[in-house]
Amino acid sequence: MIARKKLLGGAAVALAAGGLSLPGTAHASDTAAAATTAPCTQAVTPATFISPDIQANATAYGAGSVAAWNGDSSVTLDPSSASGASAQVDLISPPAPYATIPPTMIASSASAGDPRWVIEFHNGNYLFGTLPTGTQQSALCWTLEPSGTPEPTWQAALAAAAPAGEDDQVTAAYIVDDAGYAGTRVTVSDISYNLRLVVPYTPPAYTYGGHVVSKSPTRVELGWKDGPGVHYVLTKTFGYKMSVNGSPHLGFTGGTTGYWSGLSPHHTYDIELIPANANRQELPNAQVGWINVVTP
């Protein structure tokens, strides 16, 4: 039987790298898995992926542990030898896994179950996806936990973890490298889940404080404040004589105020503000803002 240990409050210090620690994100350290007799299925990295990507945090637990995204969307995991230490890739809001498409990863080295995929279900079951000991490993061996039962395939493992009629909601999915493999820095790449690439969490880009500075029957001045990383704001104006054939009037500005002219008296206009980068391209995770104005 493979033991499993949850990090409880105060058991370790989480050092987030490349993202925020969000509610619902798993923060767990599992004791190193013993060798298993589960057959290993060679993971095949999909030739094409579907959108959107799945975002994840790289999080280190315990003094001296390291978890950090690299520029090529691989991640470096290096847990310390401290009790309860781990280095993890925590998926944000993971969906139910596909029955026929297993998660994937390639590790620069692996030993005794580290690093491994962990997928937790609301019914109390969870799956380990471990790699054979050695360098440059990608073949995953799946076991049902906490019973430690080897499963012949991903499909069999998923069916065993979430039998029909049980609450099979996925509560967490993550890759963990814990203190059982301390002192070895592992690079994990080609991470995918449900045919979607797993990538670093990107904070939302936003504007805030939108307001009307001044207005006349045919012209208004609007103002707002830019959030971090916003260099330009793309604008869409909806309203009388501004939405030709249903399409809004488009514009952009590099400041935090803008003038709208050619309006008509006694009409309502809705202006959408879209955060953009220095090349005037919409930022990833852009959260649009709106300003409503009625001309006098």
Protein backbone atom coordinates (compact mmCIF):
# COMPACT_ATOMS: atom_id res chain seq x y z
CA MET A 1 0.00 0.00 0.00
CA ILE A 2 1.33 3.44 -0.90
CA ALA A 3 0.96 5.95 1.90
CA ARG A 4 -0.23 9.45 1.17
CA LYS A 5 0.24 12.50 3.33
CA LYS A 6 -1.54 15.82 2.99
CA LEU A 7 0.14 19.07 3.98
CA LEU A 8 -1.90 20.59 6.76
CA GLY A 9 -1.98 24.23 7.77
CA GLY A 10 1.38 25.32 9.12
CA ALA A 11 3.16 22.19 8.02
CA ALA A 12 5.12 23.97 5.33
CA VAL A 13 5.57 27.37 3.75
CA ALA A 14 4.33 27.72 0.17
CA LEU A 15 6.61 29.74 -2.07
CA ALA A 16 4.66 30.48 -5.24
CA ALA A 17 6.62 30.84 -8.47
CA GLY A 18 5.07 31.92 -11.73
CA GLY A 19 1.56 32.35 -10.40
CA LEU A 20 -0.81 33.02 -7.58
CA SER A 21 -1.97 30.54 -5.01
CA LEU A 22 -5.63 30.27 -5.92
CA PRO A 23 -8.51 28.76 -3.98
CA GLY A 24 -9.06 25.17 -5.00
CA THR A 25 -5.49 24.68 -6.18
CA ALA A 26 -4.01 21.51 -4.71
CA HIS A 27 -1.16 21.91 -2.27
CA ALA A 28 -0.26 18.37 -1.32
CA SER A 29 2.89 16.42 -0.65
CA ASP A 30 2.72 12.69 -1.21
CA THR A 31 5.34 10.40 0.28
CA ALA A 32 7.57 8.84 -2.34
CA ALA A 33 5.82 5.95 -4.04
CA ALA A 34 7.38 2.53 -3.80
CA ALA A 35 8.20 0.58 -6.92
CA THR A 36 5.04 -0.70 -8.58
CA THR A 37 4.27 -3.62 -10.81
CA ALA A 38 1.84 -1.56 -12.86
CA PRO A 39 2.59 -1.78 -16.58
CA CYS A 40 3.88 1.46 -18.03
CA THR A 41 2.35 2.97 -21.14
CA GLN A 42 4.64 5.02 -23.32
CA ALA A 43 3.18 8.53 -23.40
CA VAL A 44 2.72 10.00 -26.85
CA THR A 45 2.83 13.77 -26.97
CA PRO A 46 -0.11 14.87 -29.15
CA ALA A 47 0.81 16.28 -32.55
CA THR A 48 -1.80 19.00 -32.10
CA PHE A 49 -3.41 20.51 -29.04
CA ILE A 50 -6.77 22.09 -28.45
CA SER A 51 -7.44 25.48 -26.92
CA PRO A 52 -7.45 26.98 -24.44
CA ASP A 53 -4.31 25.94 -22.61
CA ILE A 54 -4.61 24.83 -18.98
CA GLN A 55 -2.83 27.21 -16.64
CA ALA A 56 -0.88 26.03 -13.61
CA ASN A 57 1.22 27.34 -10.75
CA ALA A 58 4.71 26.12 -9.96
CA THR A 59 4.79 25.96 -6.17
CA ALA A 60 7.54 24.99 -3.74
CA TYR A 61 6.90 23.75 -0.21
CA GLY A 62 9.51 23.59 2.53
CA ALA A 63 12.66 25.63 3.05
CA GLY A 64 15.09 25.17 0.18
CA SER A 65 12.61 23.69 -2.30
CA VAL A 66 12.46 25.11 -5.83
CA ALA A 67 9.64 25.08 -8.37
CA ALA A 68 9.99 27.42 -11.35
CA TRP A 69 8.70 27.71 -14.89
CA ASN A 70 11.29 27.96 -17.64
CA GLY A 71 10.94 30.02 -20.80
CA ASP A 72 9.99 27.00 -22.93
CA SER A 73 7.00 26.03 -20.72
CA SER A 74 9.00 23.32 -19.03
CA VAL A 75 9.29 23.46 -15.25
CA THR A 76 12.15 22.85 -12.85
CA LEU A 77 11.30 20.87 -9.71
CA ASP A 78 13.82 20.48 -6.89
CA PRO A 79 12.40 19.59 -3.47
CA SER A 80 14.50 19.94 -0.35
CA SER A 81 15.04 17.15 2.17
CA ALA A 82 12.90 18.95 4.79
CA SER A 83 10.00 17.00 6.23
CA GLY A 84 6.91 17.45 4.03
CA ALA A 85 8.86 19.29 1.32
CA SER A 86 7.73 19.12 -2.28
CA ALA A 87 7.90 20.93 -5.61
CA GLN A 88 4.70 20.90 -7.65
CA VAL A 89 2.87 21.92 -10.80
CA ASP A 90 -0.70 22.64 -9.64
CA LEU A 91 -3.32 22.82 -12.41
CA ILE A 92 -5.89 25.57 -11.94
CA SER A 93 -9.50 24.31 -12.09
CA PRO A 94 -8.73 21.03 -13.90
CA PRO A 95 -11.68 19.52 -15.77
CA ALA A 96 -12.65 15.86 -15.68
CA PRO A 97 -9.96 13.88 -17.52
CA TYR A 98 -10.62 12.36 -20.91
CA ALA A 99 -11.25 8.63 -20.72
CA THR A 100 -9.01 7.82 -23.69
CA ILE A 101 -6.33 10.53 -23.51
CA PRO A 102 -4.01 10.26 -20.49
CA PRO A 103 -2.05 13.20 -19.11
CA THR A 104 1.55 13.38 -20.30
CA MET A 105 4.94 14.58 -19.12
CA ILE A 106 8.61 13.96 -19.84
CA ALA A 107 11.02 14.10 -16.90
CA SER A 108 14.78 14.55 -17.24
CA SER A 109 15.10 11.89 -14.55
CA ALA A 110 12.83 9.90 -12.24
CA SER A 111 13.24 7.72 -9.16
CA ALA A 112 10.85 5.71 -6.97
CA GLY A 113 7.72 7.56 -8.05
CA ASP A 114 9.14 11.08 -8.27
CA PRO A 115 8.01 13.11 -10.10
CA ARG A 116 4.48 11.80 -10.69
CA TRP A 117 1.03 12.85 -11.76
CA VAL A 118 -1.61 12.91 -9.02
CA ILE A 119 -5.31 13.19 -9.88
CA GLU A 120 -7.70 13.45 -6.95
CA PHE A 121 -11.43 12.69 -7.00
CA HIS A 122 -14.20 13.87 -4.70
CA ASN A 123 -15.02 10.28 -3.74
CA GLY A 124 -11.66 9.96 -1.96
CA ASN A 125 -9.87 7.97 -4.67
CA TYR A 126 -6.85 9.29 -6.49
CA LEU A 127 -4.49 8.13 -9.21
CA PHE A 128 -0.70 8.07 -9.33
CA GLY A 129 0.99 8.28 -12.71
CA THR A 130 4.60 7.30 -12.04
CA LEU A 131 7.66 6.97 -14.27
CA PRO A 132 10.27 4.20 -14.41
CA THR A 133 13.52 5.02 -12.64
CA GLY A 134 16.09 6.51 -15.01
CA THR A 135 16.75 9.48 -17.24
CA GLN A 136 14.48 11.06 -19.85
CA GLN A 137 11.36 9.14 -18.85
CA SER A 138 7.84 9.55 -20.26
CA ALA A 139 6.13 6.15 -19.88
CA LEU A 140 3.48 6.45 -17.16
CA CYS A 141 2.43 3.61 -14.84
CA TRP A 142 -1.00 4.18 -13.28
CA THR A 143 -2.07 2.95 -9.84
CA LEU A 144 -5.30 3.41 -7.94
CA GLU A 145 -4.81 4.97 -4.53
CA PRO A 146 -4.98 4.73 -1.59
CA SER A 147 -5.17 0.98 -2.22
CA GLY A 148 -1.95 0.94 -4.27
CA THR A 149 -3.61 -1.22 -6.95
CA PRO A 150 -1.69 -1.36 -10.25
CA GLU A 151 -3.91 -0.73 -13.29
CA PRO A 152 -3.12 -2.10 -16.75
CA THR A 153 -4.05 1.06 -18.68
CA TRP A 154 -5.07 4.67 -18.17
CA GLN A 155 -8.62 3.75 -19.13
CA ALA A 156 -8.72 1.02 -16.49
CA ALA A 157 -7.24 3.34 -13.87
CA LEU A 158 -9.80 6.04 -14.56
CA ALA A 159 -12.67 3.54 -14.47
CA ALA A 160 -11.44 2.18 -11.14
CA ALA A 161 -11.03 5.65 -9.61
CA ALA A 162 -14.46 6.87 -10.69
CA PRO A 163 -16.89 3.93 -10.92
CA ALA A 164 -20.34 4.61 -12.30
CA GLY A 165 -22.68 6.08 -9.73
CA GLU A 166 -19.98 7.58 -7.52
CA ASP A 167 -19.10 11.25 -7.17
CA ASP A 168 -16.24 11.34 -9.64
CA GLN A 169 -15.64 15.09 -9.71
CA VAL A 170 -11.94 15.92 -10.06
CA THR A 171 -10.87 18.06 -7.11
CA ALA A 172 -7.18 18.46 -8.00
CA ALA A 173 -4.61 17.49 -10.62
CA TYR A 174 -0.91 18.15 -10.26
CA ILE A 175 2.62 16.89 -10.77
CA VAL A 176 4.63 16.47 -7.57
CA ASP A 177 8.29 15.83 -6.82
CA ASP A 178 8.76 15.39 -3.08
CA ALA A 179 11.44 14.89 -0.45
CA GLY A 180 11.90 11.29 -1.53
CA TYR A 181 13.92 12.62 -4.50
CA ALA A 182 15.62 15.52 -2.76
CA GLY A 183 18.89 16.85 -4.12
CA THR A 184 18.09 16.12 -7.76
CA ARG A 185 16.88 18.95 -9.96
CA VAL A 186 14.35 17.59 -12.45
CA THR A 187 13.13 19.31 -15.60
CA VAL A 188 9.59 18.32 -16.58
CA SER A 189 8.43 19.15 -20.11
CA ASP A 190 5.71 18.21 -22.61
CA ILE A 191 3.06 18.52 -19.92
CA SER A 192 -0.46 18.05 -21.24
CA TYR A 193 -3.91 17.25 -19.86
CA ASN A 194 -6.96 16.53 -22.01
CA LEU A 195 -5.03 17.36 -25.19
CA ARG A 196 -4.36 20.81 -23.76
CA LEU A 197 -0.91 22.17 -22.99
CA VAL A 198 -0.21 22.98 -19.35
CA VAL A 199 1.34 26.45 -19.20
CA PRO A 200 2.30 29.00 -16.54
CA TYR A 201 -0.48 30.95 -14.89
CA THR A 202 -0.86 34.41 -16.43
CA PRO A 203 -2.32 37.12 -14.18
CA PRO A 204 -5.32 38.89 -15.70
CA ALA A 205 -4.76 42.17 -17.52
CA TYR A 206 -7.31 44.83 -16.70
CA THR A 207 -8.28 48.48 -16.53
CA TYR A 208 -10.18 50.02 -13.64
CA GLY A 209 -11.74 53.23 -12.41
CA GLY A 210 -13.54 54.03 -15.66
CA HIS A 211 -15.44 57.33 -15.51
CA VAL A 212 -16.80 60.22 -17.53
CA VAL A 213 -14.48 63.26 -17.35
CA SER A 214 -16.68 65.61 -19.33
CA LYS A 215 -19.43 65.47 -21.92
CA SER A 216 -21.34 67.59 -24.38
CA PRO A 217 -24.14 66.68 -26.82
CA THR A 218 -21.63 65.45 -29.44
CA ARG A 219 -18.39 64.76 -27.57
CA VAL A 220 -17.28 63.03 -24.39
CA GLU A 221 -13.99 62.59 -22.58
CA LEU A 222 -13.51 59.34 -20.67
CA GLY A 223 -10.83 58.31 -18.19
CA TRP A 224 -9.60 55.10 -16.53
CA LYS A 225 -6.51 53.57 -14.93
CA ASP A 226 -4.34 50.82 -16.39
CA GLY A 227 -3.51 47.64 -14.50
CA PRO A 228 -0.02 46.04 -14.55
CA GLY A 229 1.37 45.31 -18.00
CA VAL A 230 -1.21 47.38 -19.90
CA HIS A 231 0.41 49.71 -22.47
CA TYR A 232 -2.50 50.44 -24.79
CA VAL A 233 -6.25 50.17 -24.62
CA LEU A 234 -8.26 48.99 -27.61
CA THR A 235 -11.74 50.47 -27.70
CA LYS A 236 -15.08 49.44 -29.14
CA THR A 237 -17.91 51.96 -29.14
CA PHE A 238 -21.50 50.78 -29.36
CA GLY A 239 -24.41 53.17 -29.94
CA TYR A 240 -26.25 55.41 -32.35
CA LYS A 241 -24.20 56.05 -35.53
CA MET A 242 -21.27 54.18 -33.94
CA SER A 243 -22.45 50.61 -34.55
CA VAL A 244 -22.73 50.43 -38.33
CA ASN A 245 -24.44 47.18 -39.36
CA GLY A 246 -24.08 46.02 -35.78
CA SER A 247 -20.29 46.39 -35.71
CA PRO A 248 -18.80 48.77 -33.14
CA HIS A 249 -16.53 51.68 -33.94
CA LEU A 250 -12.93 50.62 -33.24
CA GLY A 251 -10.07 52.67 -31.82
CA PHE A 252 -7.09 52.63 -29.49
CA THR A 253 -5.20 54.90 -27.14
CA GLY A 254 -1.89 54.80 -25.31
CA GLY A 255 -3.07 57.06 -22.51
CA THR A 256 -5.57 56.78 -19.72
CA THR A 257 -8.02 59.26 -21.22
CA GLY A 258 -9.76 59.35 -24.54
CA TYR A 259 -12.08 61.62 -26.56
CA TRP A 260 -15.14 60.41 -28.43
CA SER A 261 -16.58 62.86 -30.96
CA GLY A 262 -19.27 62.64 -33.63
CA LEU A 263 -21.84 61.48 -31.10
CA SER A 264 -25.51 62.44 -31.16
CA PRO A 265 -27.42 64.25 -28.41
CA HIS A 266 -29.66 62.30 -26.05
CA HIS A 267 -28.24 58.88 -26.85
CA THR A 268 -26.63 56.12 -24.83
CA TYR A 269 -23.18 54.81 -25.71
CA ASP A 270 -21.31 51.81 -24.33
CA ILE A 271 -17.53 51.84 -24.63
CA GLU A 272 -15.57 48.61 -24.20
CA LEU A 273 -11.95 48.93 -23.01
CA ILE A 274 -9.65 46.02 -23.94
CA PRO A 275 -6.15 45.86 -22.34
CA ALA A 276 -3.34 45.56 -24.91
CA ASN A 277 0.44 45.26 -24.99
CA ALA A 278 3.04 47.64 -26.45
CA ASN A 279 2.28 46.27 -29.94
CA ARG A 280 -1.43 47.12 -29.55
CA GLN A 281 -2.34 43.44 -29.35
CA GLU A 282 -4.91 42.18 -26.87
CA LEU A 283 -3.18 40.77 -23.80
CA PRO A 284 -3.66 37.14 -22.71
CA ASN A 285 -6.25 36.87 -19.95
CA ALA A 286 -7.49 40.35 -20.77
CA GLN A 287 -10.49 41.39 -18.70
CA VAL A 288 -12.49 44.00 -20.54
CA GLY A 289 -13.96 47.06 -18.88
CA TRP A 290 -17.02 49.10 -19.80
CA ILE A 291 -18.00 52.76 -19.52
CA ASN A 292 -21.59 53.82 -20.14
CA VAL A 293 -22.36 57.43 -21.08
CA VAL A 294 -25.55 59.31 -22.04
CA THR A 295 -25.06 62.45 -24.06
CA PRO A 296 -27.03 65.54 -22.91
